[in-house]
């Protein structure tokens, strides 16, 4: 996770050279963000991350040799992995769920306005999830339809303390750490500690997966 004071380093992974060029031109013009590298396939991601140490990877889904979901899953196994935002033209339920369960912190469609992409880079680098509105609606609809997921999610959340469940609900509603601290009368450091304990107890990787679990449990 990047500190607020950091110059955010972004790696762009897409097999379309025009997409990479467009994203680079857009992001390099934003104060506080630098595009440090590019890759045109998922199999180049480990070496590119090793070479450039990005805070955020903008990841395409469909690439010729190694797809974005596989590349994201491998990245999240690193000791100190960068955050991943999937940026794609594909938004099937399977694509969305596989990407988020692989550890992506954001899922945006390529028709997302530039300002929202910039916002996503900053928010995901800070540890807050960012999903396209259409993606959020589809996730909520799917979650409501899955009774089995509901039961499993409820059982998992039952292992948390009441305070931790309050934090889970706030995360599912898209609240930042600072907003949760204000809402629940805690310090930001206490919120961060709760989030860390929740991730450990539930065996999850990031806040996006906490939000997914909460949606499965119909908490939000």
Protein backbone atom coordinates (compact mmCIF):
# COMPACT_ATOMS: atom_id res chain seq x y z
CA UNK A 1 0.00 0.00 0.00
CA UNK A 2 1.37 3.41 -0.96
CA UNK A 3 1.65 6.26 1.51
CA UNK A 4 -0.26 9.44 0.76
CA UNK A 5 3.03 11.29 0.22
CA UNK A 6 4.36 8.79 -2.33
CA UNK A 7 4.62 9.46 -6.03
CA UNK A 8 2.36 6.65 -7.23
CA UNK A 9 4.15 4.31 -9.61
CA UNK A 10 1.91 2.59 -12.17
CA UNK A 11 2.62 -0.37 -14.44
CA UNK A 12 0.35 -0.81 -17.47
CA UNK A 13 -0.29 -4.34 -18.79
CA UNK A 14 -2.25 -4.60 -22.04
CA UNK A 15 -1.66 -6.36 -25.35
CA UNK A 16 -2.97 -3.33 -27.29
CA UNK A 17 -0.18 -0.81 -27.89
CA UNK A 18 -2.69 2.00 -28.48
CA UNK A 19 -4.35 1.36 -25.12
CA UNK A 20 -0.98 1.39 -23.35
CA UNK A 21 0.01 4.61 -25.09
CA UNK A 22 -3.30 6.29 -24.26
CA UNK A 23 -3.17 5.32 -20.60
CA UNK A 24 0.46 6.38 -20.32
CA UNK A 25 -0.27 9.78 -21.87
CA UNK A 26 -3.25 10.29 -19.58
CA UNK A 27 -1.67 9.19 -16.31
CA UNK A 28 1.76 10.74 -16.83
CA UNK A 29 0.04 14.12 -17.05
CA UNK A 30 -1.45 13.77 -13.56
CA UNK A 31 0.35 15.25 -10.56
CA UNK A 32 1.55 12.56 -8.18
CA UNK A 33 1.32 9.66 -10.66
CA UNK A 34 4.12 8.24 -12.82
CA UNK A 35 3.88 5.40 -15.33
CA UNK A 36 7.06 3.45 -14.65
CA UNK A 37 6.67 0.65 -17.19
CA UNK A 38 4.54 -1.31 -19.63
CA UNK A 39 4.03 -4.99 -20.50
CA UNK A 40 2.10 -6.48 -23.41
CA UNK A 41 1.25 -9.85 -21.85
CA UNK A 42 0.70 -11.44 -18.46
CA UNK A 43 3.87 -13.50 -18.66
CA UNK A 44 5.92 -10.28 -18.57
CA UNK A 45 4.34 -9.03 -15.36
CA UNK A 46 6.66 -10.65 -12.76
CA UNK A 47 9.81 -9.27 -14.40
CA UNK A 48 8.22 -5.84 -14.92
CA UNK A 49 7.12 -5.65 -11.29
CA UNK A 50 10.58 -6.72 -10.14
CA UNK A 51 12.20 -4.06 -12.34
CA UNK A 52 9.87 -1.14 -11.63
CA UNK A 53 8.34 -1.82 -8.16
CA UNK A 54 4.94 -0.27 -8.99
CA UNK A 55 2.31 0.60 -6.42
CA UNK A 56 -0.51 -0.17 -8.86
CA UNK A 57 -0.79 -2.44 -11.91
CA UNK A 58 -3.46 -1.66 -14.51
CA UNK A 59 -4.19 -5.15 -15.83
CA UNK A 60 -6.00 -6.22 -19.01
CA UNK A 61 -7.96 -9.49 -18.78
CA UNK A 62 -7.61 -11.11 -22.19
CA UNK A 63 -4.01 -11.47 -23.41
CA UNK A 64 -2.50 -14.05 -25.78
CA UNK A 65 -0.20 -16.03 -23.48
CA UNK A 66 -1.10 -15.39 -19.84
CA UNK A 67 -4.44 -13.82 -18.95
CA UNK A 68 -4.88 -11.05 -16.43
CA UNK A 69 -6.56 -13.22 -13.80
CA UNK A 70 -3.64 -15.66 -13.74
CA UNK A 71 -1.15 -12.79 -13.66
CA UNK A 72 -3.05 -11.12 -10.81
CA UNK A 73 -3.19 -14.33 -8.79
CA UNK A 74 0.57 -14.82 -9.19
CA UNK A 75 1.29 -11.21 -8.25
CA UNK A 76 -0.76 -11.41 -5.07
CA UNK A 77 1.42 -14.30 -3.88
CA UNK A 78 4.43 -11.98 -3.66
CA UNK A 79 5.60 -10.91 -0.24
CA UNK A 80 4.75 -7.22 -0.82
CA UNK A 81 2.53 -7.21 -3.89
CA UNK A 82 1.34 -4.14 -5.78
CA UNK A 83 -2.36 -3.43 -5.96
CA UNK A 84 -4.11 -4.51 -9.17
CA UNK A 85 -6.87 -2.75 -11.07
CA UNK A 86 -8.40 -4.80 -13.86
CA UNK A 87 -9.18 -2.54 -16.84
CA UNK A 88 -11.10 -4.45 -19.50
CA UNK A 89 -13.87 -4.45 -22.08
CA UNK A 90 -15.24 -7.73 -20.63
CA UNK A 91 -17.68 -7.69 -17.73
CA UNK A 92 -19.22 -11.15 -17.50
CA UNK A 93 -20.05 -12.33 -13.99
CA UNK A 94 -17.27 -14.91 -14.22
CA UNK A 95 -14.66 -12.36 -15.30
CA UNK A 96 -15.59 -10.03 -12.46
CA UNK A 97 -15.68 -12.68 -9.74
CA UNK A 98 -12.53 -14.49 -10.87
CA UNK A 99 -10.59 -11.22 -10.99
CA UNK A 100 -11.71 -10.06 -7.56
CA UNK A 101 -11.18 -13.44 -5.97
CA UNK A 102 -7.70 -13.52 -7.53
CA UNK A 103 -6.94 -10.39 -5.50
CA UNK A 104 -7.69 -7.42 -7.75
CA UNK A 105 -8.47 -4.29 -5.78
CA UNK A 106 -10.44 -2.70 -8.58
CA UNK A 107 -12.41 -3.63 -11.68
CA UNK A 108 -13.05 -0.95 -14.31
CA UNK A 109 -14.36 -1.06 -17.84
CA UNK A 110 -12.31 0.57 -20.60
CA UNK A 111 -15.08 3.09 -21.26
CA UNK A 112 -14.55 4.48 -17.74
CA UNK A 113 -13.96 8.27 -17.88
CA UNK A 114 -10.29 9.28 -17.39
CA UNK A 115 -11.02 11.09 -14.13
CA UNK A 116 -12.50 7.89 -12.66
CA UNK A 117 -9.45 5.89 -13.71
CA UNK A 118 -7.20 8.43 -11.98
CA UNK A 119 -9.43 8.26 -8.89
CA UNK A 120 -9.23 4.46 -8.96
CA UNK A 121 -5.42 4.49 -9.08
CA UNK A 122 -5.28 6.74 -6.03
CA UNK A 123 -7.97 4.93 -4.06
CA UNK A 124 -6.75 1.41 -4.74
CA UNK A 125 -3.16 2.45 -3.95
CA UNK A 126 -4.48 3.62 -0.57
CA UNK A 127 -6.20 0.27 0.03
CA UNK A 128 -9.76 1.22 -0.92
CA UNK A 129 -11.61 -0.83 -3.56
CA UNK A 130 -12.92 0.79 -6.74
CA UNK A 131 -15.45 -0.85 -9.04
CA UNK A 132 -17.35 0.44 -12.05
CA UNK A 133 -20.99 1.14 -11.05
CA UNK A 134 -22.21 -1.47 -13.54
CA UNK A 135 -19.89 -4.03 -11.99
CA UNK A 136 -21.12 -3.21 -8.49
CA UNK A 137 -24.75 -3.69 -9.53
CA UNK A 138 -24.02 -7.04 -11.14
CA UNK A 139 -22.14 -8.26 -8.07
CA UNK A 140 -24.98 -7.30 -5.78
CA UNK A 141 -27.57 -8.98 -8.01
CA UNK A 142 -25.52 -12.16 -8.22
CA UNK A 143 -24.83 -12.21 -4.49
CA UNK A 144 -28.52 -11.86 -3.68
CA UNK A 145 -29.26 -14.88 -5.85
CA UNK A 146 -26.75 -17.20 -4.25
CA UNK A 147 -28.23 -18.81 -1.18
CA UNK A 148 -25.23 -21.08 -0.66
CA UNK A 149 -22.84 -18.15 -0.70
CA UNK A 150 -25.14 -16.38 1.76
CA UNK A 151 -24.92 -19.22 4.28
CA UNK A 152 -21.15 -19.59 3.94
CA UNK A 153 -20.60 -15.85 4.27
CA UNK A 154 -22.83 -15.59 7.34
CA UNK A 155 -20.93 -18.44 8.98
CA UNK A 156 -17.58 -16.79 8.23
CA UNK A 157 -18.69 -13.43 9.62
CA UNK A 158 -20.00 -15.09 12.77
CA UNK A 159 -16.35 -15.68 13.73
CA UNK A 160 -15.78 -11.92 13.94
CA UNK A 161 -16.40 -9.68 16.92
CA UNK A 162 -19.33 -7.22 16.81
CA UNK A 163 -16.88 -4.35 16.28
CA UNK A 164 -15.17 -6.17 13.43
CA UNK A 165 -18.55 -6.79 11.81
CA UNK A 166 -19.26 -3.05 12.01
CA UNK A 167 -15.99 -2.43 10.16
CA UNK A 168 -16.93 -5.08 7.55
CA UNK A 169 -20.27 -3.36 6.94
CA UNK A 170 -18.57 0.02 6.55
CA UNK A 171 -16.08 -1.43 4.05
CA UNK A 172 -18.96 -2.96 2.07
CA UNK A 173 -20.53 0.49 1.88
CA UNK A 174 -17.36 1.89 0.35
CA UNK A 175 -16.20 3.88 3.38
CA UNK A 176 -12.51 4.80 3.62
CA UNK A 177 -10.45 4.20 6.77
CA UNK A 178 -10.80 7.87 7.74
CA UNK A 179 -14.58 7.76 7.26
CA UNK A 180 -14.89 4.52 9.23
CA UNK A 181 -12.84 6.05 12.05
CA UNK A 182 -15.19 9.03 12.16
CA UNK A 183 -18.35 6.92 11.94
CA UNK A 184 -17.29 4.45 14.65
CA UNK A 185 -15.41 6.89 16.89
CA UNK A 186 -12.01 5.21 16.46
CA UNK A 187 -8.57 6.32 15.39
CA UNK A 188 -7.48 5.50 11.85
CA UNK A 189 -4.75 3.24 13.24
CA UNK A 190 -7.38 1.26 15.17
CA UNK A 191 -9.44 0.86 11.99
CA UNK A 192 -6.37 -0.40 10.15
CA UNK A 193 -5.72 -2.90 12.94
CA UNK A 194 -9.32 -4.16 12.73
CA UNK A 195 -9.03 -4.54 8.95
CA UNK A 196 -5.81 -6.52 9.35
CA UNK A 197 -7.42 -8.83 11.93
CA UNK A 198 -10.48 -9.32 9.72
CA UNK A 199 -8.33 -10.29 6.72
CA UNK A 200 -6.41 -12.79 8.86
CA UNK A 201 -9.51 -14.34 10.44
CA UNK A 202 -11.33 -14.69 7.14
CA UNK A 203 -8.30 -15.77 5.10
CA UNK A 204 -8.75 -12.92 2.62
CA UNK A 205 -6.24 -10.75 0.76
CA UNK A 206 -7.78 -7.30 0.60
CA UNK A 207 -10.73 -5.01 1.31
CA UNK A 208 -12.44 -5.82 -1.97
CA UNK A 209 -12.79 -9.44 -0.88
CA UNK A 210 -14.19 -8.28 2.47
CA UNK A 211 -16.80 -6.24 0.59
CA UNK A 212 -17.64 -9.26 -1.59
CA UNK A 213 -18.15 -11.42 1.48
CA UNK A 214 -20.40 -8.78 3.04
CA UNK A 215 -22.46 -8.57 -0.15
CA UNK A 216 -22.75 -12.39 -0.21
CA UNK A 217 -24.04 -12.20 3.36
CA UNK A 218 -26.51 -9.47 2.33
CA UNK A 219 -25.16 -7.06 4.95
CA UNK A 220 -25.06 -3.95 2.79
